[in-house]
Protein backbone atom coordinates (compact mmCIF):
# COMPACT_ATOMS: atom_id res chain seq x y z
CA MET A 1 -104.11 105.12 -61.83
CA LEU A 2 -100.57 104.33 -62.94
CA ARG A 3 -100.44 101.41 -65.42
CA PRO A 4 -98.18 98.35 -64.87
CA GLU A 5 -95.85 99.42 -67.64
CA GLU A 6 -95.34 102.71 -65.78
CA MET A 7 -93.89 100.89 -62.74
CA SER A 8 -90.54 99.15 -62.30
CA LYS A 9 -89.04 96.87 -59.65
CA ILE A 10 -85.85 98.18 -58.07
CA THR A 11 -83.47 96.28 -55.79
CA VAL A 12 -80.85 98.19 -53.82
CA MET A 13 -78.00 96.39 -52.06
CA GLY A 14 -75.15 97.90 -50.04
CA PRO A 15 -73.13 97.89 -46.80
CA LYS A 16 -75.02 98.49 -43.55
CA SER A 17 -72.87 101.53 -42.82
CA LEU A 18 -74.72 103.33 -45.62
CA SER A 19 -78.23 102.35 -44.42
CA TYR A 20 -79.17 105.75 -43.04
CA LYS A 21 -77.94 107.69 -46.08
CA ILE A 22 -79.93 105.46 -48.45
CA ILE A 23 -83.06 105.57 -46.25
CA ASP A 24 -82.83 109.35 -45.91
CA LYS A 25 -82.49 109.83 -49.67
CA LEU A 26 -85.40 107.50 -50.48
CA HIS A 27 -87.55 109.24 -47.89
CA LYS A 28 -86.84 112.66 -49.40
CA MET A 29 -87.57 111.47 -52.96
CA LYS A 30 -90.93 109.91 -51.97
CA VAL A 31 -91.14 107.76 -55.11
CA TYR A 32 -90.03 104.36 -53.78
CA HIS A 33 -92.49 101.79 -52.42
CA ILE A 34 -90.67 99.26 -50.21
CA VAL A 35 -91.82 95.64 -50.30
CA ASP A 36 -91.51 94.03 -46.86
CA HIS A 37 -88.87 91.31 -46.75
CA LYS A 38 -89.80 87.87 -45.41
CA LYS A 39 -87.13 86.00 -43.52
CA THR A 40 -85.36 83.21 -45.44
CA GLU A 41 -82.41 80.92 -44.73
CA GLU A 42 -80.15 83.20 -46.75
CA LEU A 43 -81.49 86.61 -45.67
CA ASP A 44 -82.56 87.66 -42.20
CA ILE A 45 -84.75 90.70 -41.43
CA GLY A 46 -82.88 93.93 -40.75
CA SER A 47 -82.57 95.59 -37.34
CA PRO A 48 -83.59 99.16 -36.41
CA LEU A 49 -80.88 101.79 -36.55
CA GLY A 50 -78.99 102.49 -33.31
CA ASN A 51 -80.87 105.69 -32.40
CA SER A 52 -84.34 104.11 -32.75
CA GLU A 53 -84.89 103.52 -29.02
CA ALA A 54 -83.68 107.00 -27.98
CA ILE A 55 -85.95 108.67 -30.56
CA SER A 56 -88.94 106.62 -29.37
CA GLU A 57 -88.32 107.70 -25.75
CA ILE A 58 -88.18 111.37 -26.71
CA LEU A 59 -91.35 111.03 -28.80
CA VAL A 60 -93.19 109.45 -25.86
CA LYS A 61 -92.06 112.35 -23.65
CA ILE A 62 -93.12 114.99 -26.20
CA ARG A 63 -96.56 113.43 -26.64
CA ALA A 64 -97.01 113.16 -22.88
CA ILE A 65 -96.11 116.86 -22.41
CA SER A 66 -98.46 117.84 -25.25
CA SER A 67 -101.25 115.84 -23.64
CA LEU A 68 -100.67 117.56 -20.27
CA LEU A 69 -100.73 121.02 -21.86
CA GLY A 70 -103.59 120.21 -24.28
CA ILE A 71 -101.49 120.88 -27.39
CA ASP A 72 -102.81 119.64 -30.74
CA LEU A 73 -99.58 118.46 -32.38
CA GLU A 74 -101.14 118.07 -35.83
CA LYS A 75 -102.59 121.59 -35.79
CA ASN A 76 -99.45 123.32 -34.50
CA ARG A 77 -96.92 121.68 -36.78
CA VAL A 78 -94.52 124.04 -38.53
CA SER A 79 -91.83 123.40 -41.09
CA LYS A 80 -88.79 124.50 -39.07
CA LYS A 81 -86.91 122.06 -36.87
CA ALA A 82 -86.11 122.84 -33.25
CA PRO A 83 -83.18 121.63 -31.12
CA GLN A 84 -84.02 118.58 -29.02
CA GLU A 85 -82.11 119.57 -25.89
CA ARG A 86 -85.01 121.70 -24.64
CA ILE A 87 -87.32 118.70 -24.21
CA ASP A 88 -86.37 118.14 -20.56
CA LEU A 89 -86.97 121.81 -19.77
CA ALA A 90 -90.41 121.68 -21.38
CA SER A 91 -91.19 118.46 -19.54
CA ALA A 92 -90.17 119.87 -16.14
CA SER A 93 -92.21 123.04 -16.68
CA ALA A 94 -95.32 121.19 -17.85
CA ILE A 95 -95.22 118.45 -15.23
CA SER A 96 -94.62 120.78 -12.25
CA LYS A 97 -97.45 123.14 -13.18
CA THR A 98 -100.03 120.54 -14.17
CA THR A 99 -99.20 118.40 -11.12
CA ARG A 100 -99.62 121.41 -8.82
CA LEU A 101 -102.93 122.28 -10.51
CA LYS A 102 -104.23 118.74 -9.99
CA GLU A 103 -103.22 118.91 -6.32
CA ILE A 104 -105.07 122.21 -5.85
CA ASP A 105 -108.17 120.95 -7.68
CA GLU A 106 -108.19 117.82 -5.51
CA LYS A 107 -107.86 119.91 -2.34
CA ILE A 108 -110.68 122.21 -3.45
CA ARG A 109 -112.88 119.17 -4.12
CA HIS A 110 -111.98 117.76 -0.68
CA LEU A 111 -112.79 121.05 1.12
CA ASP A 112 -115.99 121.47 -0.88
CA GLU A 113 -117.18 118.07 0.32
CA ARG A 114 -116.43 119.04 3.94
CA ARG A 115 -118.21 122.38 3.54
CA ALA A 116 -121.30 120.51 2.27
CA VAL A 117 -121.24 118.31 5.41
CA ILE A 118 -120.94 121.33 7.75
CA LYS A 119 -123.77 123.08 5.85
CA ASN A 120 -126.02 120.08 6.52
CA ILE A 121 -125.06 120.22 10.20
CA ALA A 122 -125.90 123.94 10.27
CA LEU A 123 -129.32 123.18 8.73
CA LEU A 124 -130.04 120.96 11.73
CA LYS A 125 -128.96 123.82 14.02
CA LEU A 126 -126.31 121.63 15.60
CA SER A 127 -122.67 122.26 16.45
CA PRO A 128 -119.84 120.21 14.88
CA ASP A 129 -118.95 119.32 18.51
CA SER A 130 -122.03 117.09 18.57
CA PHE A 131 -120.45 114.63 16.17
CA ARG A 132 -117.80 113.07 18.38
CA GLN A 133 -117.25 109.67 19.91
CA TYR A 134 -118.80 109.26 23.36
CA GLY A 135 -118.65 106.39 25.84
CA SER A 136 -122.32 105.39 25.79
CA ILE A 137 -123.87 107.52 23.02
CA ASP A 138 -123.66 106.95 19.27
CA TYR A 139 -125.21 108.76 16.30
CA LEU A 140 -126.23 108.36 12.65
CA PHE A 141 -126.15 111.33 10.31
CA GLY A 142 -127.12 111.37 6.63
CA PHE A 143 -129.80 111.55 3.94
CA ILE A 144 -133.01 109.52 4.05
CA ASP A 145 -135.57 108.82 1.31
CA ASP A 146 -138.63 108.11 3.48
CA ILE A 147 -138.89 110.21 6.64
CA LYS A 148 -142.66 109.86 7.08
CA ASP A 149 -143.65 108.54 10.51
CA LEU A 150 -139.99 107.98 11.39
CA ALA A 151 -140.52 109.27 14.95
CA GLU A 152 -143.33 106.73 15.42
CA ASP A 153 -141.10 103.97 14.07
CA LEU A 154 -138.37 104.82 16.62
CA LYS A 155 -140.68 104.83 19.69
CA THR A 156 -139.42 101.39 20.66
CA ALA A 157 -136.17 103.10 21.70
CA LYS A 158 -138.08 104.07 24.91
CA GLY A 159 -136.67 107.59 25.27
CA LYS A 160 -133.12 106.54 24.59
CA CYS A 161 -133.16 108.13 21.12
CA LYS A 162 -133.39 111.77 19.99
CA GLY A 163 -133.11 113.28 16.55
CA CYS A 164 -133.68 116.23 14.27
CA SER A 165 -134.25 116.67 10.54
CA ALA A 166 -134.28 119.29 7.79
CA SER A 167 -135.07 119.44 4.10
CA ILE A 168 -132.53 120.47 1.41
CA ASP A 169 -132.99 120.36 -2.38
CA GLY A 170 -135.95 118.01 -2.06
CA LYS A 171 -134.04 115.58 0.17
CA SER A 172 -134.24 115.00 3.94
CA VAL A 173 -131.16 115.12 6.14
CA ILE A 174 -131.36 113.66 9.65
CA ALA A 175 -129.18 113.27 12.75
CA ILE A 176 -130.19 110.72 15.38
CA PHE A 177 -128.43 110.28 18.75
CA PHE A 178 -129.06 107.09 20.72
CA ASP A 179 -127.77 104.59 23.26
CA LYS A 180 -124.95 102.57 21.66
CA ARG A 181 -126.79 99.34 22.44
CA LEU A 182 -129.58 100.37 20.04
CA LYS A 183 -127.33 100.97 17.02
CA GLN A 184 -128.14 97.76 15.13
CA GLU A 185 -131.90 98.14 15.64
CA ILE A 186 -131.95 101.79 14.53
CA SER A 187 -129.57 101.16 11.62
CA GLU A 188 -131.89 98.43 10.27
CA LYS A 189 -134.95 100.69 10.51
CA LEU A 190 -133.17 103.56 8.73
CA SER A 191 -131.77 101.23 6.09
CA ARG A 192 -135.30 100.14 5.13
CA ARG A 193 -136.12 103.81 4.56
CA GLY A 194 -133.22 104.39 2.15
CA PHE A 195 -130.71 105.92 4.56
CA ALA A 196 -127.27 107.02 3.21
CA GLU A 197 -124.79 107.92 5.94
CA ILE A 198 -122.58 111.03 5.73
CA ASP A 199 -118.99 110.65 6.96
CA THR A 200 -118.17 113.07 9.79
CA SER A 201 -114.97 111.43 11.06
CA PHE A 202 -112.89 114.43 9.92
CA ILE A 203 -114.62 116.69 12.50
CA GLU A 204 -113.06 114.96 15.51
CA ALA A 205 -109.83 114.13 13.66
CA GLU A 206 -109.21 117.81 12.88
CA GLY A 207 -110.64 119.17 16.13
CA ILE A 208 -113.37 121.25 14.51
CA LYS A 209 -115.33 123.13 17.19
CA GLY A 210 -117.64 126.07 17.69
CA ASP A 211 -120.31 127.55 15.46
CA ALA A 212 -120.99 125.67 12.17
CA SER A 213 -121.52 128.92 10.26
CA LYS A 214 -118.02 130.14 11.19
CA GLU A 215 -116.50 126.87 9.97
CA ILE A 216 -118.42 127.29 6.70
CA MET A 217 -116.97 130.79 6.27
CA ARG A 218 -113.46 129.52 7.04
CA LEU A 219 -113.77 126.73 4.44
CA ALA A 220 -115.20 129.16 1.87
CA SER A 221 -112.23 131.49 2.43
CA GLU A 222 -109.74 128.63 2.03
CA ILE A 223 -111.50 127.41 -1.12
CA GLY A 224 -111.45 130.94 -2.52
CA SER A 225 -107.72 131.25 -1.90
CA LEU A 226 -107.03 127.91 -3.57
CA SER A 227 -109.29 128.84 -6.51
CA SER A 228 -107.30 132.01 -6.98
CA GLN A 229 -104.08 129.97 -7.02
CA ALA A 230 -105.62 127.54 -9.53
CA SER A 231 -106.68 130.42 -11.76
CA SER A 232 -103.16 131.89 -11.75
CA LEU A 233 -101.69 128.47 -12.44
CA LYS A 234 -104.06 127.94 -15.39
CA LYS A 235 -102.87 131.24 -16.86
CA GLU A 236 -99.26 130.12 -16.45
CA ILE A 237 -100.07 126.79 -18.13
CA GLY A 238 -101.76 128.73 -20.95
CA LYS A 239 -98.60 130.79 -21.44
CA THR A 240 -96.47 127.64 -21.33
CA LYS A 241 -98.73 126.07 -23.94
CA THR A 242 -98.38 129.10 -26.22
CA GLU A 243 -94.62 129.18 -25.69
CA TRP A 244 -94.02 125.49 -26.40
CA SER A 245 -96.71 124.56 -28.94
CA ASP A 246 -94.74 125.22 -32.13
CA TYR A 247 -91.54 123.82 -30.70
CA LEU A 248 -93.08 120.56 -29.48
CA ALA A 249 -95.12 120.09 -32.66
CA SER A 250 -92.20 120.71 -35.01
CA THR A 251 -89.87 118.51 -32.94
CA GLU A 252 -92.46 115.73 -32.80
CA GLN A 253 -92.87 115.96 -36.57
CA ALA A 254 -89.12 115.82 -37.19
CA LEU A 255 -88.61 112.97 -34.73
CA SER A 256 -91.56 111.00 -36.14
CA ILE A 257 -89.83 111.09 -39.51
CA GLU A 258 -86.54 110.05 -37.88
CA ALA A 259 -88.31 107.22 -36.05
CA GLU A 260 -89.80 106.04 -39.33
CA LYS A 261 -86.33 106.08 -40.91
CA ALA A 262 -84.76 104.29 -37.92
CA GLU A 263 -87.34 101.49 -38.12
CA ALA A 264 -87.19 101.17 -41.92
CA PRO A 265 -84.52 98.38 -41.82
CA LEU A 266 -87.16 96.12 -40.27
CA ARG A 267 -88.57 95.95 -43.80
CA PHE A 268 -85.21 95.09 -45.42
CA GLY A 269 -83.40 91.87 -46.03
CA ALA A 270 -80.03 91.73 -44.27
CA THR A 271 -76.87 89.73 -43.78
CA GLU A 272 -74.22 90.42 -41.13
CA SER A 273 -72.75 93.33 -43.09
CA THR A 274 -75.18 94.21 -45.92
CA PHE A 275 -78.77 95.25 -46.51
CA ILE A 276 -81.10 94.56 -49.43
CA ILE A 277 -84.12 96.70 -50.26
CA ARG A 278 -86.73 95.53 -52.75
CA GLY A 279 -89.47 97.83 -53.97
CA TRP A 280 -91.25 99.67 -56.74
CA ALA A 281 -90.94 103.11 -58.34
CA PRO A 282 -92.55 104.83 -61.34
CA SER A 283 -90.53 103.95 -64.46
CA LYS A 284 -90.06 107.63 -65.31
CA ASN A 285 -88.18 108.12 -62.00
CA ILE A 286 -85.79 105.17 -62.35
CA GLN A 287 -82.86 107.19 -63.69
CA GLU A 288 -83.32 109.87 -61.05
CA VAL A 289 -83.52 107.29 -58.24
CA THR A 290 -80.38 105.51 -59.49
CA LYS A 291 -78.47 108.77 -59.84
CA GLU A 292 -79.43 110.10 -56.37
CA LEU A 293 -78.65 106.83 -54.59
CA ASN A 294 -75.25 106.59 -56.28
CA LEU A 295 -74.47 110.17 -55.29
CA ALA A 296 -75.55 109.58 -51.68
CA SER A 297 -73.48 106.38 -51.39
CA LYS A 298 -70.55 107.52 -53.59
CA GLN A 299 -71.18 104.61 -55.98
CA LYS A 300 -71.01 102.05 -53.14
CA VAL A 301 -74.45 100.48 -53.65
CA PHE A 302 -75.57 97.99 -56.27
CA ILE A 303 -78.87 98.86 -58.01
CA THR A 304 -80.83 96.60 -60.37
CA THR A 305 -84.17 97.08 -62.13
CA GLU A 306 -86.56 94.39 -63.37
CA ILE A 307 -89.50 94.41 -65.75
CA VAL A 308 -93.00 93.69 -64.47
CA LYS A 309 -93.97 90.01 -64.63
CA GLU A 310 -97.36 88.32 -64.66
CA GLY A 311 -98.52 87.76 -61.08
CA ASP A 312 -96.39 90.52 -59.56
CA GLU A 313 -98.17 92.37 -56.74
CA ILE A 314 -97.72 95.87 -58.03
CA PRO A 315 -98.45 98.69 -55.53
CA ILE A 316 -101.44 100.80 -56.46
CA LYS A 317 -101.16 104.56 -56.90
CA LEU A 318 -104.32 106.37 -57.95
CA LYS A 319 -103.83 109.05 -60.58
CA ASN A 320 -106.71 111.51 -60.88
CA PRO A 321 -107.18 115.21 -61.74
CA ASN A 322 -107.08 117.62 -58.79
CA ILE A 323 -110.85 118.15 -58.88
CA VAL A 324 -111.49 114.39 -58.56
CA ARG A 325 -108.73 113.63 -56.02
CA PRO A 326 -110.79 114.37 -52.84
CA PHE A 327 -113.04 111.42 -53.70
CA GLU A 328 -110.09 109.04 -53.37
CA TRP A 329 -110.91 109.21 -49.66
CA PHE A 330 -113.91 106.95 -50.30
CA MET A 331 -111.74 104.53 -52.27
CA ASP A 332 -109.45 104.14 -49.26
CA LEU A 333 -112.41 102.67 -47.34
CA TYR A 334 -112.41 99.68 -49.68
CA THR A 335 -109.84 97.52 -51.48
CA LEU A 336 -108.09 99.62 -54.12
CA PRO A 337 -108.70 98.54 -57.74
CA SER A 338 -106.05 96.41 -59.41
CA TYR A 339 -104.25 97.49 -62.56
CA LYS A 340 -106.70 95.50 -64.69
CA GLU A 341 -109.71 97.27 -63.21
CA ILE A 342 -111.30 100.67 -63.78
CA ASP A 343 -110.53 103.28 -61.12
CA PRO A 344 -114.06 104.17 -59.86
CA THR A 345 -112.97 107.48 -58.29
CA PHE A 346 -114.34 109.50 -61.23
CA LEU A 347 -117.70 107.70 -60.99
CA MET A 348 -117.76 108.49 -57.26
CA PHE A 349 -117.02 112.13 -58.17
CA LEU A 350 -120.16 112.13 -60.37
CA THR A 351 -122.57 110.10 -58.24
CA PHE A 352 -121.83 111.13 -54.64
CA PRO A 353 -122.65 114.86 -55.07
CA LEU A 354 -125.65 113.89 -57.24
CA PHE A 355 -127.17 111.65 -54.55
CA TYR A 356 -126.27 114.03 -51.72
CA GLY A 357 -127.90 116.95 -53.52
CA PHE A 358 -130.95 114.92 -54.50
CA MET A 359 -131.55 113.81 -50.88
CA LEU A 360 -130.91 117.18 -49.17
CA GLY A 361 -132.02 119.40 -52.05
CA ASP A 362 -132.48 122.67 -50.17
CA VAL A 363 -130.83 126.01 -50.97
CA GLY A 364 -130.79 127.18 -47.34
CA TYR A 365 -129.38 123.98 -45.87
CA GLY A 366 -126.97 123.73 -48.79
CA PHE A 367 -125.49 127.16 -47.99
CA VAL A 368 -125.30 126.36 -44.25
CA THR A 369 -123.41 123.10 -44.88
CA LEU A 370 -121.21 124.80 -47.50
CA ILE A 371 -120.14 127.48 -45.00
CA LEU A 372 -119.57 124.80 -42.33
CA PHE A 373 -117.37 122.70 -44.63
CA LEU A 374 -115.41 125.74 -45.82
CA VAL A 375 -114.66 126.64 -42.18
CA LEU A 376 -113.68 123.03 -41.40
CA ARG A 377 -111.44 122.90 -44.47
CA ALA A 378 -109.35 125.73 -43.02
CA LYS A 379 -109.01 123.88 -39.70
CA ILE A 380 -108.77 120.20 -40.73
CA LYS A 381 -105.79 119.02 -42.73
CA GLY A 382 -104.49 115.64 -43.79
CA ASP A 383 -106.65 112.67 -44.71
CA PHE A 384 -109.94 114.06 -43.43
CA GLY A 385 -109.29 117.25 -45.36
CA ARG A 386 -110.05 115.26 -48.53
CA LEU A 387 -113.43 114.22 -47.11
CA ILE A 388 -114.28 117.86 -46.30
CA ASN A 389 -113.43 118.85 -49.90
CA ALA A 390 -115.70 116.08 -51.21
CA MET A 391 -118.53 117.27 -48.93
CA ILE A 392 -118.18 120.80 -50.39
CA PHE A 393 -119.18 119.36 -53.78
CA GLY A 394 -122.19 117.78 -52.08
CA SER A 395 -123.25 121.13 -50.60
CA VAL A 396 -123.00 122.84 -54.01
CA SER A 397 -125.10 120.02 -55.49
CA SER A 398 -127.65 120.49 -52.69
CA ILE A 399 -127.97 124.19 -53.59
CA ILE A 400 -128.51 123.37 -57.28
CA PHE A 401 -131.17 120.74 -56.50
CA GLY A 402 -132.72 123.15 -54.00
CA ILE A 403 -133.22 125.67 -56.82
CA LEU A 404 -134.76 122.95 -59.01
CA PHE A 405 -137.03 121.83 -56.16
CA ALA A 406 -137.74 125.48 -55.13
CA GLU A 407 -136.96 124.61 -51.49
CA TYR A 408 -135.42 127.11 -49.03
CA PHE A 409 -135.06 125.91 -45.42
CA GLY A 410 -138.00 123.54 -46.01
CA PHE A 411 -140.27 126.16 -47.59
CA GLU A 412 -141.37 126.09 -51.24
CA LEU A 413 -141.02 129.65 -52.59
CA TYR A 414 -142.14 129.17 -56.23
CA HIS A 415 -143.30 126.49 -58.63
CA PRO A 416 -140.59 123.80 -58.77
CA ILE A 417 -138.56 123.60 -61.98
CA LEU A 418 -137.92 119.85 -61.68
CA ILE A 419 -140.48 118.23 -59.37
CA ASN A 420 -142.60 119.04 -56.35
CA ARG A 421 -141.13 116.80 -53.64
CA MET A 422 -143.77 117.76 -51.10
CA HIS A 423 -146.79 116.64 -53.15
CA ASP A 424 -145.68 114.63 -56.19
CA THR A 425 -144.52 111.56 -54.25
CA GLU A 426 -145.19 109.24 -57.19
CA GLY A 427 -142.98 111.29 -59.51
CA LEU A 428 -140.31 111.50 -56.82
CA LEU A 429 -140.39 107.71 -56.34
CA ILE A 430 -140.12 107.09 -60.10
CA MET A 431 -137.16 109.49 -60.33
CA ALA A 432 -135.41 107.85 -57.35
CA VAL A 433 -135.90 104.34 -58.80
CA ALA A 434 -134.66 105.51 -62.22
CA ILE A 435 -131.51 107.10 -60.76
CA GLY A 436 -130.91 104.01 -58.63
CA ALA A 437 -131.31 101.72 -61.63
CA VAL A 438 -128.86 103.77 -63.69
CA HIS A 439 -126.38 103.75 -60.80
CA ILE A 440 -126.60 99.98 -60.30
CA ASN A 441 -126.27 99.27 -64.03
CA ILE A 442 -123.22 101.50 -64.34
CA GLY A 443 -121.71 99.43 -61.53
CA LEU A 444 -122.57 96.21 -63.36
CA LEU A 445 -120.99 97.50 -66.57
CA VAL A 446 -117.82 98.48 -64.72
CA GLY A 447 -117.85 95.05 -63.07
CA PHE A 448 -118.28 93.39 -66.49
CA TYR A 449 -115.21 95.22 -67.81
CA ASN A 450 -113.16 94.33 -64.71
CA GLU A 451 -114.12 90.65 -64.89
CA PHE A 452 -113.44 90.57 -68.63
CA ARG A 453 -109.93 91.99 -68.09
CA SER A 454 -109.17 89.72 -65.13
CA HIS A 455 -110.91 86.40 -65.89
CA GLY A 456 -112.16 86.47 -69.45
CA PHE A 457 -115.39 86.99 -71.39
CA ALA A 458 -117.29 83.92 -70.14
CA THR A 459 -116.82 84.79 -66.46
CA ALA A 460 -117.80 88.40 -67.13
CA VAL A 461 -121.03 87.28 -68.86
CA PHE A 462 -122.07 84.84 -66.14
CA GLU A 463 -121.16 87.09 -63.17
CA LYS A 464 -122.20 90.57 -64.43
CA LEU A 465 -123.93 90.61 -67.83
CA SER A 466 -126.42 87.96 -66.67
CA TRP A 467 -127.79 90.49 -64.14
CA LEU A 468 -128.33 93.05 -66.90
CA MET A 469 -130.20 90.43 -68.97
CA LEU A 470 -132.33 89.53 -65.94
CA GLU A 471 -133.15 93.20 -65.39
CA ALA A 472 -134.14 93.58 -69.06
CA GLY A 473 -136.46 90.55 -68.78
CA VAL A 474 -138.13 91.89 -65.62
CA ALA A 475 -138.57 95.31 -67.28
CA ILE A 476 -140.21 93.73 -70.37
CA ILE A 477 -142.61 91.69 -68.19
CA ALA A 478 -143.49 94.77 -66.12
CA LEU A 479 -144.15 96.92 -69.22
CA SER A 480 -146.22 94.15 -70.80
CA SER A 481 -148.34 93.77 -67.65
CA TYR A 482 -148.78 97.54 -67.43
CA SER A 483 -149.93 97.66 -71.10
CA LYS A 484 -152.48 94.88 -70.56
CA ALA A 485 -153.78 96.59 -67.44
CA ARG A 486 -154.38 99.79 -69.36
CA GLU A 487 -156.22 97.88 -72.13
CA MET A 488 -158.54 96.33 -69.51
CA GLY A 489 -159.27 99.76 -68.07
CA TRP A 490 -157.69 99.21 -64.67
CA PHE A 491 -156.04 102.62 -64.86
CA CYS A 492 -158.98 104.41 -66.54
CA HIS A 493 -159.82 107.57 -64.64
CA THR A 494 -163.29 107.80 -66.32
CA CYS A 495 -164.23 104.29 -65.15
CA SER A 496 -163.29 105.11 -61.57
CA VAL A 497 -165.49 108.20 -61.67
CA ASN A 498 -168.47 106.24 -63.03
CA LEU A 499 -168.07 103.57 -60.35
CA HIS A 500 -167.99 106.31 -57.73
CA ASP A 501 -171.20 107.76 -59.12
CA LEU A 502 -172.94 104.39 -58.94
């Protein structure tokens, strides 16, 4: 972690006409941490650059196209930039093809539903012509849960009701034709038996006639034709995706950077004609930053540096060796340590693999997870890539502990070098408690140092060292009690044998 004396405050002030050049240079250098400006009577907050809205619109369009085509922008990013004028062409191609595919899929679903209805009609050995509106006759057609004794239940219709039924996939489908005046009565009786009506209005609306089996064949043929079109369209979309992936990803990356630059003035202080940027940079980079900004602005900006003062909120930048750096991912889950505190990343580097290996502790599973994480490392980049690298250390630790425990995919192949986890539960418990105690006390010692640096010796003693003293007292009492118990023979194996014999 960089120390306070390694950081410096830098203020940059200049005309608004140079805003983009200064922002672009700072972005390329990647050493300047901007402190957000808060509006005052003297200084307002800056406004986004003129192209901000246009860039945002293009980004929205690119991300929408990528979503339609199923393009992973993060995965397909490349370093080269692509011209932006092709965005509309990509959009038109993607939208037309995906829209057409959705239309075909919806039509196939619609025809499939109709085919299912006609199939149920065919099961009843009826013609689609039967399901039309008549002057005095009505019908109900659908699935029913309880068909037992239905004919007996409908006897009250006095011959003015006829029906048929069939079984399909464990369900009963029925069609009942009756005098229109009986509809309410019959509907109530069917409802009590769990009746779900099937819509047949399309039959009369589309003039479907003749044999049900022929209509089924016609629908199957139409569905097949549409499926063939959908398949061809999916291939075209696949080609479009391949053609545009790199272009869209690289353009999105470039425009995301431009959008970030365009919105950067929202973090500046500003007057009608000038901007003011306040921030931090590593002290070793001060001369370079000053030189590059003067070159970019042709000496038209004013740059000042200030020393660090007590109470300054200095930005935190962790500074660890490459082997330890993946474990900074865990630090990002919590509040980063201040400059007066110890960076616990190295302790996490030691303890996380240790605990992971101790808990899993199997050579077979360790190798499986190691291969999995190595494969994922090649596919996952960015922030989660650090987590994958940390998990690789855990898998290696699991293999080492697996050798010590003699465990291979849950089987013990030889006498354990360290401990038998399957039978020596007492030893395993003692080891776990000991490791846990060491871990907690290391944390208390780190906390003691942090409190001492931040708030003084007295606070550190009362808040952290007191816990260590309490632990020591409890340990002394426990050891004393254990010693007395042994003297009284409570743990004497011989005594227990003699009592058993009695």
